[in-house]
Amino acid sequence: MNEFECKTCGGVHQLSTLIEFPQPDIISQITSGKVDQTLEHLGRNTMLINREYILMECEMKIPIVDRDDDLDYLVWVRMDKADVKKAIGSSKDKESIKIKGKLIHPIPFYDNTEELDVHIGSINFEEISICSIDRSTELRQDFIRGISFDKLIIMLEKYYHMD
């Protein structure tokens, strides 16, 4: 099942379990010269801004409980450089780390996600993903417990008809 019938418009839409967010505006503002700040590429979709904070694209997985699949959000997270250094320095096994950050974009279909506090987890700096959400929100509950396939379809119907 790669498509679904939309109750909003009656049409057929692609069934997608990946929602990607664009790079934060500050990146293009710096690279175009509109903003006088520095940007260093630290790796794929990881940038150091003004040697102060890091912007990183991370995966946030929400399990679909009645399917063998996840709803994957590719989100951008802002982390203070000092917090990253501290997390790397205090990691006992030097293989796994947990870093505090904030979501850059609000997550569609969820209230109260603007600048939401999250923690980024990584093992050997591979598979960097969000491992916890701090504030009690519907997003946090879905992150922990998962969503139904029916809720995914409702979210996708809204997604395909956002103005």
C-alpha atoms as a PDB file:
ATOM      1  CA  MET A   1       0.000   0.000   0.000  1.00  0.00           C
ATOM      2  CA  ASN A   2       1.930   2.998  -1.296  1.00  0.00           C
ATOM      3  CA  GLU A   3      -1.084   5.264  -1.687  1.00  0.00           C
ATOM      4  CA  PHE A   4      -4.178   6.218   0.261  1.00  0.00           C
ATOM      5  CA  GLU A   5      -7.512   7.821  -0.531  1.00  0.00           C
ATOM      6  CA  CYS A   6      -7.718  11.278   0.988  1.00  0.00           C
ATOM      7  CA  LYS A   7     -10.887  12.145   2.910  1.00  0.00           C
ATOM      8  CA  THR A   8     -10.157  15.861   2.471  1.00  0.00           C
ATOM      9  CA  CYS A   9     -10.116  16.022  -1.336  1.00  0.00           C
ATOM     10  CA  GLY A  10     -11.192  12.533  -2.434  1.00  0.00           C
ATOM     11  CA  GLY A  11      -7.969  12.125  -4.399  1.00  0.00           C
ATOM     12  CA  VAL A  12      -5.210   9.571  -4.034  1.00  0.00           C
ATOM     13  CA  HIS A  13      -1.946  10.606  -2.361  1.00  0.00           C
ATOM     14  CA  GLN A  14       1.417   8.952  -1.917  1.00  0.00           C
ATOM     15  CA  LEU A  15       1.818   7.227   1.432  1.00  0.00           C
ATOM     16  CA  SER A  16       4.968   8.726   2.882  1.00  0.00           C
ATOM     17  CA  THR A  17       6.607   8.027   6.216  1.00  0.00           C
ATOM     18  CA  LEU A  18       9.357  10.645   5.786  1.00  0.00           C
ATOM     19  CA  ILE A  19       8.921  14.357   6.429  1.00  0.00           C
ATOM     20  CA  GLU A  20      11.989  16.535   5.873  1.00  0.00           C
ATOM     21  CA  PHE A  21      12.494  20.079   7.099  1.00  0.00           C
ATOM     22  CA  PRO A  22      14.500  22.643   5.140  1.00  0.00           C
ATOM     23  CA  GLN A  23      17.818  23.987   6.333  1.00  0.00           C
ATOM     24  CA  PRO A  24      17.401  26.803   8.847  1.00  0.00           C
ATOM     25  CA  ASP A  25      17.208  30.233   7.180  1.00  0.00           C
ATOM     26  CA  ILE A  26      20.388  31.417   8.890  1.00  0.00           C
ATOM     27  CA  ILE A  27      22.461  29.037   6.736  1.00  0.00           C
ATOM     28  CA  SER A  28      21.374  30.578   3.431  1.00  0.00           C
ATOM     29  CA  GLN A  29      21.539  34.078   4.922  1.00  0.00           C
ATOM     30  CA  ILE A  30      25.199  33.524   5.835  1.00  0.00           C
ATOM     31  CA  THR A  31      26.171  31.830   2.569  1.00  0.00           C
ATOM     32  CA  SER A  32      24.491  34.591   0.513  1.00  0.00           C
ATOM     33  CA  GLY A  33      26.216  37.334   2.518  1.00  0.00           C
ATOM     34  CA  LYS A  34      22.958  38.789   3.866  1.00  0.00           C
ATOM     35  CA  VAL A  35      24.154  38.177   7.422  1.00  0.00           C
ATOM     36  CA  ASP A  36      27.689  38.856   8.607  1.00  0.00           C
ATOM     37  CA  GLN A  37      28.343  35.644  10.509  1.00  0.00           C
ATOM     38  CA  THR A  38      30.641  32.674  10.028  1.00  0.00           C
ATOM     39  CA  LEU A  39      29.652  29.167   9.012  1.00  0.00           C
ATOM     40  CA  GLU A  40      31.883  26.096   9.131  1.00  0.00           C
ATOM     41  CA  HIS A  41      30.833  22.722   7.732  1.00  0.00           C
ATOM     42  CA  LEU A  42      31.616  20.068  10.331  1.00  0.00           C
ATOM     43  CA  GLY A  43      30.129  17.181   8.402  1.00  0.00           C
ATOM     44  CA  ARG A  44      27.098  16.234   6.380  1.00  0.00           C
ATOM     45  CA  ASN A  45      24.300  18.614   7.404  1.00  0.00           C
ATOM     46  CA  THR A  46      26.227  19.809  10.447  1.00  0.00           C
ATOM     47  CA  MET A  47      27.348  23.432  10.696  1.00  0.00           C
ATOM     48  CA  LEU A  48      29.101  25.548  13.301  1.00  0.00           C
ATOM     49  CA  ILE A  49      27.730  29.091  13.368  1.00  0.00           C
ATOM     50  CA  ASN A  50      29.971  31.908  14.692  1.00  0.00           C
ATOM     51  CA  ARG A  51      31.968  29.276  16.575  1.00  0.00           C
ATOM     52  CA  GLU A  52      29.134  29.425  19.143  1.00  0.00           C
ATOM     53  CA  TYR A  53      26.463  26.907  18.235  1.00  0.00           C
ATOM     54  CA  ILE A  54      25.939  23.906  16.008  1.00  0.00           C
ATOM     55  CA  LEU A  55      23.047  23.261  13.658  1.00  0.00           C
ATOM     56  CA  MET A  56      22.580  19.592  12.854  1.00  0.00           C
ATOM     57  CA  GLU A  57      20.041  17.596  10.906  1.00  0.00           C
ATOM     58  CA  CYS A  58      18.797  14.704  13.032  1.00  0.00           C
ATOM     59  CA  GLU A  59      16.306  11.919  12.644  1.00  0.00           C
ATOM     60  CA  MET A  60      13.289  11.703  14.926  1.00  0.00           C
ATOM     61  CA  LYS A  61      11.433   8.394  14.680  1.00  0.00           C
ATOM     62  CA  ILE A  62       7.843   7.943  15.776  1.00  0.00           C
ATOM     63  CA  PRO A  63       6.837   4.262  15.732  1.00  0.00           C
ATOM     64  CA  ILE A  64       3.717   3.249  13.832  1.00  0.00           C
ATOM     65  CA  VAL A  65       2.393   0.721  16.321  1.00  0.00           C
ATOM     66  CA  ASP A  66       0.208  -1.338  13.988  1.00  0.00           C
ATOM     67  CA  ARG A  67       2.775  -1.473  11.161  1.00  0.00           C
ATOM     68  CA  ASP A  68       6.415  -2.487  10.963  1.00  0.00           C
ATOM     69  CA  ASP A  69       7.435   1.073  10.157  1.00  0.00           C
ATOM     70  CA  ASP A  70       8.173   4.500  11.646  1.00  0.00           C
ATOM     71  CA  LEU A  71       7.189   8.033  10.800  1.00  0.00           C
ATOM     72  CA  ASP A  72      10.602   9.633  10.243  1.00  0.00           C
ATOM     73  CA  TYR A  73      11.069  13.345  10.663  1.00  0.00           C
ATOM     74  CA  LEU A  74      14.382  14.825   9.489  1.00  0.00           C
ATOM     75  CA  VAL A  75      14.582  17.845  11.784  1.00  0.00           C
ATOM     76  CA  TRP A  76      17.171  20.517  12.523  1.00  0.00           C
ATOM     77  CA  VAL A  77      18.467  20.948  16.055  1.00  0.00           C
ATOM     78  CA  ARG A  78      20.491  23.790  17.546  1.00  0.00           C
ATOM     79  CA  MET A  79      23.100  22.860  20.159  1.00  0.00           C
ATOM     80  CA  ASP A  80      25.480  25.122  22.048  1.00  0.00           C
ATOM     81  CA  LYS A  81      29.099  24.349  21.208  1.00  0.00           C
ATOM     82  CA  ALA A  82      29.925  24.199  24.933  1.00  0.00           C
ATOM     83  CA  ASP A  83      27.195  21.566  25.525  1.00  0.00           C
ATOM     84  CA  VAL A  84      28.572  19.436  22.680  1.00  0.00           C
ATOM     85  CA  LYS A  85      32.136  19.659  24.032  1.00  0.00           C
ATOM     86  CA  LYS A  86      30.914  18.825  27.536  1.00  0.00           C
ATOM     87  CA  ALA A  87      28.909  15.806  26.321  1.00  0.00           C
ATOM     88  CA  ILE A  88      31.837  14.450  24.315  1.00  0.00           C
ATOM     89  CA  GLY A  89      34.250  15.059  27.206  1.00  0.00           C
ATOM     90  CA  SER A  90      32.041  13.408  29.801  1.00  0.00           C
ATOM     91  CA  SER A  91      31.120  10.371  27.719  1.00  0.00           C
ATOM     92  CA  LYS A  92      32.409   7.366  29.652  1.00  0.00           C
ATOM     93  CA  ASP A  93      32.838   4.990  26.755  1.00  0.00           C
ATOM     94  CA  LYS A  94      33.681   7.678  24.168  1.00  0.00           C
ATOM     95  CA  GLU A  95      31.357   5.830  21.823  1.00  0.00           C
ATOM     96  CA  SER A  96      27.882   6.984  22.807  1.00  0.00           C
ATOM     97  CA  ILE A  97      26.911  10.536  23.647  1.00  0.00           C
ATOM     98  CA  LYS A  98      23.775  12.451  24.567  1.00  0.00           C
ATOM     99  CA  ILE A  99      23.595  16.178  23.811  1.00  0.00           C
ATOM    100  CA  LYS A 100      20.949  18.738  24.776  1.00  0.00           C
ATOM    101  CA  GLY A 101      19.493  20.823  21.943  1.00  0.00           C
ATOM    102  CA  LYS A 102      16.415  22.658  20.672  1.00  0.00           C
ATOM    103  CA  LEU A 103      14.270  21.957  17.639  1.00  0.00           C
ATOM    104  CA  ILE A 104      14.576  24.715  15.045  1.00  0.00           C
ATOM    105  CA  HIS A 105      11.197  24.206  13.322  1.00  0.00           C
ATOM    106  CA  PRO A 106       7.859  23.522  14.977  1.00  0.00           C
ATOM    107  CA  ILE A 107       6.593  20.037  14.124  1.00  0.00           C
ATOM    108  CA  PRO A 108       3.398  20.049  12.039  1.00  0.00           C
ATOM    109  CA  PHE A 109       0.280  18.539  13.638  1.00  0.00           C
ATOM    110  CA  TYR A 110       1.646  19.079  17.160  1.00  0.00           C
ATOM    111  CA  ASP A 111       1.172  22.055  19.495  1.00  0.00           C
ATOM    112  CA  ASN A 112       3.923  23.541  21.667  1.00  0.00           C
ATOM    113  CA  THR A 113       6.918  22.286  19.679  1.00  0.00           C
ATOM    114  CA  GLU A 114       8.535  25.669  18.946  1.00  0.00           C
ATOM    115  CA  GLU A 115      12.129  25.482  20.261  1.00  0.00           C
ATOM    116  CA  LEU A 116      11.296  22.244  22.053  1.00  0.00           C
ATOM    117  CA  ASP A 117      14.118  20.861  24.211  1.00  0.00           C
ATOM    118  CA  VAL A 118      15.397  17.509  22.963  1.00  0.00           C
ATOM    119  CA  HIS A 119      18.401  15.279  23.455  1.00  0.00           C
ATOM    120  CA  ILE A 120      20.447  13.965  20.568  1.00  0.00           C
ATOM    121  CA  GLY A 121      21.935  10.501  20.868  1.00  0.00           C
ATOM    122  CA  SER A 122      24.786   9.064  18.892  1.00  0.00           C
ATOM    123  CA  ILE A 123      26.886   5.932  18.877  1.00  0.00           C
ATOM    124  CA  ASN A 124      30.332   6.446  17.333  1.00  0.00           C
ATOM    125  CA  PHE A 125      28.872   9.621  15.788  1.00  0.00           C
ATOM    126  CA  GLU A 126      26.824   7.422  13.468  1.00  0.00           C
ATOM    127  CA  GLU A 127      23.032   7.249  13.380  1.00  0.00           C
ATOM    128  CA  ILE A 128      22.529  10.596  15.060  1.00  0.00           C
ATOM    129  CA  SER A 129      18.938  10.839  16.217  1.00  0.00           C
ATOM    130  CA  ILE A 130      16.688  12.371  18.808  1.00  0.00           C
ATOM    131  CA  CYS A 131      16.599  10.070  21.818  1.00  0.00           C
ATOM    132  CA  SER A 132      14.364  12.062  24.179  1.00  0.00           C
ATOM    133  CA  ILE A 133      11.989  15.023  24.313  1.00  0.00           C
ATOM    134  CA  ASP A 134      11.967  17.018  27.539  1.00  0.00           C
ATOM    135  CA  ARG A 135       8.604  18.786  27.780  1.00  0.00           C
ATOM    136  CA  SER A 136       5.383  16.843  28.202  1.00  0.00           C
ATOM    137  CA  THR A 137       3.617  17.315  24.881  1.00  0.00           C
ATOM    138  CA  GLU A 138       1.530  15.211  22.524  1.00  0.00           C
ATOM    139  CA  LEU A 139       4.666  14.856  20.389  1.00  0.00           C
ATOM    140  CA  ARG A 140       6.562  13.422  23.354  1.00  0.00           C
ATOM    141  CA  GLN A 141       3.765  10.942  24.045  1.00  0.00           C
ATOM    142  CA  ASP A 142       3.717   9.823  20.396  1.00  0.00           C
ATOM    143  CA  PHE A 143       7.521   9.625  20.378  1.00  0.00           C
ATOM    144  CA  ILE A 144       7.397   7.262  23.370  1.00  0.00           C
ATOM    145  CA  ARG A 145       4.228   5.259  22.637  1.00  0.00           C
ATOM    146  CA  GLY A 146       3.947   5.527  18.848  1.00  0.00           C
ATOM    147  CA  ILE A 147       1.002   6.364  16.618  1.00  0.00           C
ATOM    148  CA  SER A 148      -1.576   4.256  14.831  1.00  0.00           C
ATOM    149  CA  PHE A 149      -1.649   3.886  11.063  1.00  0.00           C
ATOM    150  CA  ASP A 150      -5.003   5.729  11.110  1.00  0.00           C
ATOM    151  CA  LYS A 151      -3.377   8.704  12.865  1.00  0.00           C
ATOM    152  CA  LEU A 152      -0.596   8.681  10.240  1.00  0.00           C
ATOM    153  CA  ILE A 153      -3.215   8.922   7.474  1.00  0.00           C
ATOM    154  CA  ILE A 154      -4.942  11.831   9.262  1.00  0.00           C
ATOM    155  CA  MET A 155      -1.584  13.603   9.595  1.00  0.00           C
ATOM    156  CA  LEU A 156      -0.752  13.002   5.929  1.00  0.00           C
ATOM    157  CA  GLU A 157      -4.153  14.329   4.825  1.00  0.00           C
ATOM    158  CA  LYS A 158      -3.386  17.545   6.711  1.00  0.00           C
ATOM    159  CA  TYR A 159       0.179  17.589   5.338  1.00  0.00           C
ATOM    160  CA  TYR A 160      -0.925  17.319   1.721  1.00  0.00           C
ATOM    161  CA  HIS A 161      -3.395  20.173   2.201  1.00  0.00           C
ATOM    162  CA  MET A 162      -1.332  22.653   4.209  1.00  0.00           C
ATOM    163  CA  ASP A 163      -1.474  26.173   2.806  1.00  0.00           C
END
